[in-house]
Amino acid sequence: WMIHDNPPGKDYYNWTARCLSAGSPYNPYKIEWDPNHPEDCSYNEVNLCRLGDLSRHGTLDIAGRKLDGPRISRKLFTDPLLPLSGVHSILGKSLVIYDDHGPQARGERLACT
């Protein structure tokens, strides 16, 4: 799950190109990262994370049923690195949720908002 540069467009309905309008992960400080080793960004290595990479807070579990949502999917955290005002504000950006185990034809982006 990551904050991306652009607000989502209508492609969140698109099965094969979902949420591509969201653009790239938010990285205003141009952190160098290795796409072959995305696991480098973690709770213990936040200096290796792009600013928008929320995997530094752990994985995001999504409930399969609405009834299970509050127990499984609810997360609450404060991130002082993601400001709501100023030059690096995340307002007007998008949140993209990734699915590492989804159908290959759909791509890795599950949803965006």
Protein backbone atom coordinates (compact mmCIF):
# COMPACT_ATOMS: atom_id res chain seq x y z
CA TRP A 1 0.00 0.00 0.00
CA MET A 2 1.38 3.34 -1.05
CA ILE A 3 0.60 6.98 -1.57
CA HIS A 4 0.98 7.82 -5.29
CA ASP A 5 1.66 11.14 -7.06
CA ASN A 6 -1.71 11.74 -8.76
CA PRO A 7 -5.37 11.46 -7.81
CA PRO A 8 -6.99 8.32 -9.26
CA GLY A 9 -8.80 8.56 -12.58
CA LYS A 10 -11.65 6.42 -13.89
CA ASP A 11 -9.26 3.51 -14.53
CA TYR A 12 -10.00 2.04 -11.10
CA TYR A 13 -12.70 0.12 -12.99
CA ASN A 14 -10.21 -1.18 -15.58
CA TRP A 15 -9.38 -4.86 -15.10
CA THR A 16 -6.00 -4.86 -16.91
CA ALA A 17 -4.72 -1.33 -16.18
CA ARG A 18 -6.23 -0.60 -12.79
CA CYS A 19 -5.17 2.63 -11.06
CA LEU A 20 -2.36 3.47 -13.49
CA SER A 21 -3.61 7.07 -13.49
CA ALA A 22 -2.36 7.32 -9.90
CA GLY A 23 1.16 7.55 -11.31
CA SER A 24 4.31 6.61 -9.47
CA PRO A 25 4.74 6.10 -5.74
CA TYR A 26 5.15 9.44 -3.96
CA ASN A 27 8.89 10.06 -3.65
CA PRO A 28 9.57 13.82 -3.35
CA TYR A 29 13.06 13.28 -1.90
CA LYS A 30 14.04 10.94 -4.77
CA ILE A 31 15.05 8.04 -2.53
CA GLU A 32 17.01 5.47 -4.54
CA TRP A 33 15.38 2.07 -4.22
CA ASP A 34 15.94 -1.31 -5.82
CA PRO A 35 12.77 -2.75 -7.44
CA ASN A 36 14.39 -6.20 -7.20
CA HIS A 37 14.43 -5.88 -3.40
CA PRO A 38 11.23 -4.11 -2.30
CA GLU A 39 11.57 -5.86 1.06
CA ASP A 40 14.39 -3.41 1.88
CA CYS A 41 11.70 -0.92 2.92
CA SER A 42 10.48 -2.04 6.32
CA TYR A 43 9.64 -0.87 9.81
CA ASN A 44 13.31 -1.26 10.74
CA GLU A 45 14.71 0.42 7.60
CA VAL A 46 12.49 3.46 6.97
CA ASN A 47 15.45 5.35 5.47
CA LEU A 48 15.26 2.92 2.51
CA CYS A 49 11.58 3.72 1.87
CA ARG A 50 10.09 6.16 -0.56
CA LEU A 51 7.97 8.64 1.38
CA GLY A 52 4.72 7.23 -0.01
CA ASP A 53 5.60 3.59 0.72
CA LEU A 54 3.36 2.65 3.64
CA SER A 55 4.70 -0.90 3.85
CA ARG A 56 7.08 0.55 6.45
CA HIS A 57 4.04 0.31 8.77
CA GLY A 58 3.60 -3.40 8.06
CA THR A 59 1.28 -5.35 5.82
CA LEU A 60 -2.31 -4.41 5.16
CA ASP A 61 -4.79 -7.24 5.70
CA ILE A 62 -8.10 -6.93 3.87
CA ALA A 63 -11.21 -8.77 5.06
CA GLY A 64 -13.07 -10.90 2.55
CA ARG A 65 -16.41 -10.20 4.25
CA LYS A 66 -17.79 -6.89 5.47
CA LEU A 67 -18.58 -8.49 8.82
CA ASP A 68 -14.86 -9.21 9.39
CA GLY A 69 -13.74 -5.72 8.31
CA PRO A 70 -13.42 -3.98 11.69
CA ARG A 71 -11.48 -6.88 13.18
CA ILE A 72 -9.14 -7.56 10.25
CA SER A 73 -8.83 -4.47 8.08
CA ARG A 74 -8.94 -1.50 10.42
CA LYS A 75 -5.61 0.30 10.91
CA LEU A 76 -4.95 3.51 12.75
CA PHE A 77 -1.53 5.11 12.82
CA THR A 78 0.15 8.50 12.78
CA ASP A 79 2.88 9.17 10.25
CA PRO A 80 4.74 12.46 10.85
CA LEU A 81 6.51 12.00 7.50
CA LEU A 82 3.25 12.45 5.54
CA PRO A 83 2.16 16.08 6.01
CA LEU A 84 -1.35 17.33 5.28
CA SER A 85 -0.10 20.83 4.44
CA GLY A 86 2.94 22.47 2.91
CA VAL A 87 4.98 21.74 -0.18
CA HIS A 88 5.09 17.96 0.41
CA SER A 89 1.42 17.58 1.40
CA ILE A 90 -0.25 14.29 0.49
CA LEU A 91 -3.60 15.99 -0.16
CA GLY A 92 -4.60 15.46 -3.80
CA LYS A 93 -2.58 12.23 -4.00
CA SER A 94 -3.99 8.72 -4.12
CA LEU A 95 -3.77 5.66 -1.91
CA VAL A 96 -3.10 2.49 -3.92
CA ILE A 97 -3.57 -0.95 -2.38
CA TYR A 98 -1.46 -3.72 -3.89
CA ASP A 99 -2.29 -7.41 -4.16
CA ASP A 100 0.81 -9.57 -4.50
CA HIS A 101 -1.30 -12.68 -5.06
CA GLY A 102 -3.92 -11.38 -7.50
CA PRO A 103 -4.50 -12.51 -11.09
CA GLN A 104 -1.49 -11.71 -13.26
CA ALA A 105 -3.72 -10.26 -16.00
CA ARG A 106 -4.98 -7.58 -13.61
CA GLY A 107 -1.58 -6.47 -12.41
CA GLU A 108 -0.52 -5.78 -8.86
CA ARG A 109 -2.82 -2.82 -8.14
CA LEU A 110 -5.98 -3.99 -6.39
CA ALA A 111 -7.67 -0.66 -5.66
CA CYS A 112 -7.12 3.08 -5.36
CA THR A 113 -8.84 6.04 -3.82
